[in-house]
């Protein structure tokens, strides 16, 4: 009998659990990554209508978007990679690039073959009951979208030097679910394979 009395206590010990406290930023890590990769793709191959080696000041005074700091750094990196020098101020620049953001955000699309989750009112007081998803198959797309544009001018006279057509970029994560249980597709993003010593390059 004593053995039987000890058994429930042992099971309770095995069933013990622990909890941790987490912070919840405005965007998840995956959402931040989607926006960052979209910004990187938008500025790929960026060139300006001025000679290579010119000193360029990037004016972000009117660039308003969440994750704006990352996007501006991506633009500066693209200019540096293209062979332009980054000027610390307008007075030191041969040209000023004023940039603006058309969008720097997320889209989410979900396709469901079956019944999606719903909230159904049950009385005149608008109390609702939640009905979970009942699907045979569903697909979820999370997309980071970036669009930048701008114009170039001479800093001392303000004379126009050219305009930058809208630069757009997208980064997508797609996942699938069958019978609400079996999942496949891109559920995570792993770092790309890299050869030793290839984590940097010299311009």
Protein backbone atom coordinates (compact mmCIF):
# COMPACT_ATOMS: atom_id res chain seq x y z
CA UNK A 1 0.00 0.00 0.00
CA UNK A 2 2.87 2.36 0.76
CA UNK A 3 4.23 1.78 -2.74
CA UNK A 4 0.88 2.72 -4.23
CA UNK A 5 0.78 5.86 -2.08
CA UNK A 6 4.22 6.96 -3.30
CA UNK A 7 3.31 6.46 -6.98
CA UNK A 8 1.05 9.54 -7.32
CA UNK A 9 3.72 11.71 -5.71
CA UNK A 10 6.30 10.43 -8.18
CA UNK A 11 3.99 11.18 -11.10
CA UNK A 12 3.44 14.71 -9.81
CA UNK A 13 7.18 15.20 -9.69
CA UNK A 14 7.53 14.07 -13.29
CA UNK A 15 4.72 16.41 -14.34
CA UNK A 16 6.34 19.47 -12.77
CA UNK A 17 6.97 22.37 -15.14
CA UNK A 18 8.80 25.67 -15.20
CA UNK A 19 7.88 29.02 -16.68
CA UNK A 20 10.00 31.93 -17.85
CA UNK A 21 9.27 35.61 -18.24
CA UNK A 22 9.57 37.10 -21.71
CA UNK A 23 9.40 40.57 -23.15
CA UNK A 24 7.06 41.26 -26.04
CA UNK A 25 8.28 43.94 -28.48
CA UNK A 26 5.97 45.51 -31.04
CA UNK A 27 7.27 43.08 -33.69
CA UNK A 28 8.45 39.51 -33.39
CA UNK A 29 11.95 38.47 -34.42
CA UNK A 30 10.57 36.93 -37.63
CA UNK A 31 8.69 40.13 -38.50
CA UNK A 32 11.79 42.24 -37.91
CA UNK A 33 13.81 39.89 -40.11
CA UNK A 34 11.25 40.07 -42.91
CA UNK A 35 11.41 43.88 -42.96
CA UNK A 36 15.20 43.94 -42.76
CA UNK A 37 15.64 41.48 -45.65
CA UNK A 38 13.12 43.41 -47.77
CA UNK A 39 15.13 46.60 -47.18
CA UNK A 40 18.35 44.84 -48.18
CA UNK A 41 16.78 43.62 -51.41
CA UNK A 42 15.32 47.04 -52.26
CA UNK A 43 18.74 48.70 -52.40
CA UNK A 44 20.61 45.97 -54.29
CA UNK A 45 22.52 47.52 -57.19
CA UNK A 46 21.80 51.12 -56.16
CA UNK A 47 23.69 53.65 -58.34
CA UNK A 48 23.55 57.42 -58.66
CA UNK A 49 23.84 59.70 -61.75
CA UNK A 50 27.16 61.13 -60.54
CA UNK A 51 30.76 59.97 -61.02
CA UNK A 52 32.04 57.11 -58.93
CA UNK A 53 34.00 58.20 -55.88
CA UNK A 54 31.83 61.29 -55.33
CA UNK A 55 31.12 62.20 -51.73
CA UNK A 56 27.44 61.67 -50.91
CA UNK A 57 25.52 62.82 -47.87
CA UNK A 58 22.39 60.74 -47.13
CA UNK A 59 19.66 63.06 -45.82
CA UNK A 60 17.08 61.03 -43.87
CA UNK A 61 15.19 63.99 -42.34
CA UNK A 62 11.98 63.00 -44.16
CA UNK A 63 12.43 59.23 -43.97
CA UNK A 64 9.61 58.09 -41.68
CA UNK A 65 9.03 54.40 -41.07
CA UNK A 66 9.41 51.74 -38.41
CA UNK A 67 12.90 50.20 -38.72
CA UNK A 68 14.01 53.39 -40.47
CA UNK A 69 17.49 53.21 -38.92
CA UNK A 70 18.15 49.80 -40.48
CA UNK A 71 16.88 50.94 -43.88
CA UNK A 72 19.06 54.07 -43.87
CA UNK A 73 22.09 51.97 -42.96
CA UNK A 74 21.26 49.60 -45.83
CA UNK A 75 21.12 52.56 -48.24
CA UNK A 76 24.46 53.86 -46.96
CA UNK A 77 26.01 50.40 -47.30
CA UNK A 78 24.73 50.09 -50.89
CA UNK A 79 26.24 53.47 -51.79
CA UNK A 80 29.55 52.51 -50.23
CA UNK A 81 29.57 49.20 -52.09
CA UNK A 82 28.82 51.06 -55.34
CA UNK A 83 32.00 53.09 -54.91
CA UNK A 84 30.72 56.37 -53.47
CA UNK A 85 32.25 58.03 -50.41
CA UNK A 86 29.93 58.85 -47.50
CA UNK A 87 30.15 62.47 -46.41
CA UNK A 88 29.62 63.31 -42.71
CA UNK A 89 27.68 66.52 -43.50
CA UNK A 90 26.13 68.45 -46.37
CA UNK A 91 29.01 70.91 -46.37
CA UNK A 92 31.48 68.10 -47.03
CA UNK A 93 29.42 66.50 -49.80
CA UNK A 94 29.53 66.71 -53.57
CA UNK A 95 25.88 65.63 -53.65
CA UNK A 96 23.02 65.20 -51.18
CA UNK A 97 20.71 62.22 -51.49
CA UNK A 98 17.38 62.93 -49.82
CA UNK A 99 15.55 59.64 -49.30
CA UNK A 100 11.98 58.82 -48.36
CA UNK A 101 10.08 55.63 -47.60
CA UNK A 102 7.05 54.58 -49.62
CA UNK A 103 6.59 51.59 -47.35
CA UNK A 104 8.58 49.51 -44.90
CA UNK A 105 6.15 47.08 -43.38
CA UNK A 106 4.53 43.65 -43.44
CA UNK A 107 1.73 41.88 -45.24
CA UNK A 108 0.17 38.60 -44.24
CA UNK A 109 -2.03 36.39 -46.38
CA UNK A 110 -3.72 33.18 -45.28
CA UNK A 111 -5.60 30.76 -47.53
CA UNK A 112 -7.84 28.17 -45.93
CA UNK A 113 -9.54 25.17 -47.52
CA UNK A 114 -12.28 24.65 -44.97
CA UNK A 115 -13.67 26.93 -42.27
CA UNK A 116 -11.46 29.74 -40.93
CA UNK A 117 -11.57 30.72 -37.28
CA UNK A 118 -14.57 32.96 -36.63
CA UNK A 119 -16.19 35.07 -33.93
CA UNK A 120 -19.95 34.64 -33.97
CA UNK A 121 -22.37 36.90 -32.01
CA UNK A 122 -24.76 34.91 -29.84
CA UNK A 123 -27.17 37.55 -28.48
CA UNK A 124 -28.34 41.12 -28.85
CA UNK A 125 -25.59 42.37 -26.53
CA UNK A 126 -23.04 41.36 -29.13
CA UNK A 127 -21.45 38.73 -26.94
CA UNK A 128 -19.45 36.45 -29.18
CA UNK A 129 -18.18 32.93 -29.17
CA UNK A 130 -14.94 31.96 -30.90
CA UNK A 131 -15.01 29.02 -33.29
CA UNK A 132 -11.58 27.53 -34.05
CA UNK A 133 -10.35 26.85 -37.54
CA UNK A 134 -11.56 23.60 -39.11
CA UNK A 135 -9.53 23.17 -42.25
CA UNK A 136 -8.24 20.42 -44.47
CA UNK A 137 -5.38 22.57 -45.75
CA UNK A 138 -4.12 26.10 -45.07
CA UNK A 139 -1.24 28.22 -46.33
CA UNK A 140 0.29 31.23 -44.66
CA UNK A 141 2.42 33.88 -46.37
CA UNK A 142 4.27 36.51 -44.36
CA UNK A 143 5.88 39.16 -46.54
CA UNK A 144 8.18 42.04 -45.72
CA UNK A 145 7.81 44.89 -48.23
CA UNK A 146 10.13 47.87 -48.70
CA UNK A 147 10.00 50.77 -51.15
CA UNK A 148 12.37 53.74 -51.13
CA UNK A 149 12.87 56.65 -53.47
CA UNK A 150 14.63 60.01 -53.42
CA UNK A 151 16.38 62.76 -55.32
CA UNK A 152 19.88 64.14 -55.61
CA UNK A 153 20.96 67.79 -55.49
CA UNK A 154 24.06 69.94 -55.26
CA UNK A 155 24.43 71.01 -51.60
CA UNK A 156 25.71 74.55 -52.16
CA UNK A 157 23.35 75.71 -54.89
CA UNK A 158 20.46 73.28 -54.48
CA UNK A 159 20.60 72.50 -58.20
CA UNK A 160 19.00 69.16 -59.07
CA UNK A 161 21.32 66.34 -60.08
CA UNK A 162 18.82 63.55 -60.61
CA UNK A 163 16.10 61.41 -59.08
CA UNK A 164 16.05 57.87 -57.75
CA UNK A 165 13.19 55.79 -59.11
CA UNK A 166 11.33 53.75 -56.47
CA UNK A 167 13.44 50.85 -55.23
CA UNK A 168 11.33 47.92 -54.11
CA UNK A 169 12.13 44.68 -52.32
CA UNK A 170 10.20 41.76 -50.82
CA UNK A 171 11.09 38.86 -48.56
CA UNK A 172 8.61 36.04 -48.03
CA UNK A 173 8.15 33.17 -45.59
CA UNK A 174 5.58 30.56 -46.64
CA UNK A 175 4.32 27.68 -44.55
CA UNK A 176 1.65 25.00 -45.02
CA UNK A 177 -0.56 22.99 -42.71
CA UNK A 178 -2.54 19.82 -43.45
CA UNK A 179 -5.45 18.72 -41.27
CA UNK A 180 -4.41 21.40 -38.75
CA UNK A 181 -1.59 19.12 -37.54
CA UNK A 182 1.04 18.42 -40.19
CA UNK A 183 3.15 21.48 -40.97
CA UNK A 184 5.84 21.98 -43.58
CA UNK A 185 7.48 24.75 -45.55
CA UNK A 186 9.72 27.54 -44.38
CA UNK A 187 9.00 27.68 -40.68
CA UNK A 188 12.32 29.30 -39.82
CA UNK A 189 15.25 31.03 -41.45
CA UNK A 190 18.68 29.55 -40.95
CA UNK A 191 21.92 31.45 -41.59
CA UNK A 192 23.43 30.72 -44.97
CA UNK A 193 26.47 28.49 -45.23
CA UNK A 194 29.66 30.47 -45.07
CA UNK A 195 33.25 29.49 -45.74
CA UNK A 196 35.78 30.25 -42.99
CA UNK A 197 37.01 33.79 -43.41
CA UNK A 198 34.13 34.76 -45.69
CA UNK A 199 32.20 36.75 -43.06
CA UNK A 200 33.67 39.98 -44.45
CA UNK A 201 34.96 41.33 -47.72
CA UNK A 202 37.09 44.26 -48.74
CA UNK A 203 35.62 46.80 -51.16
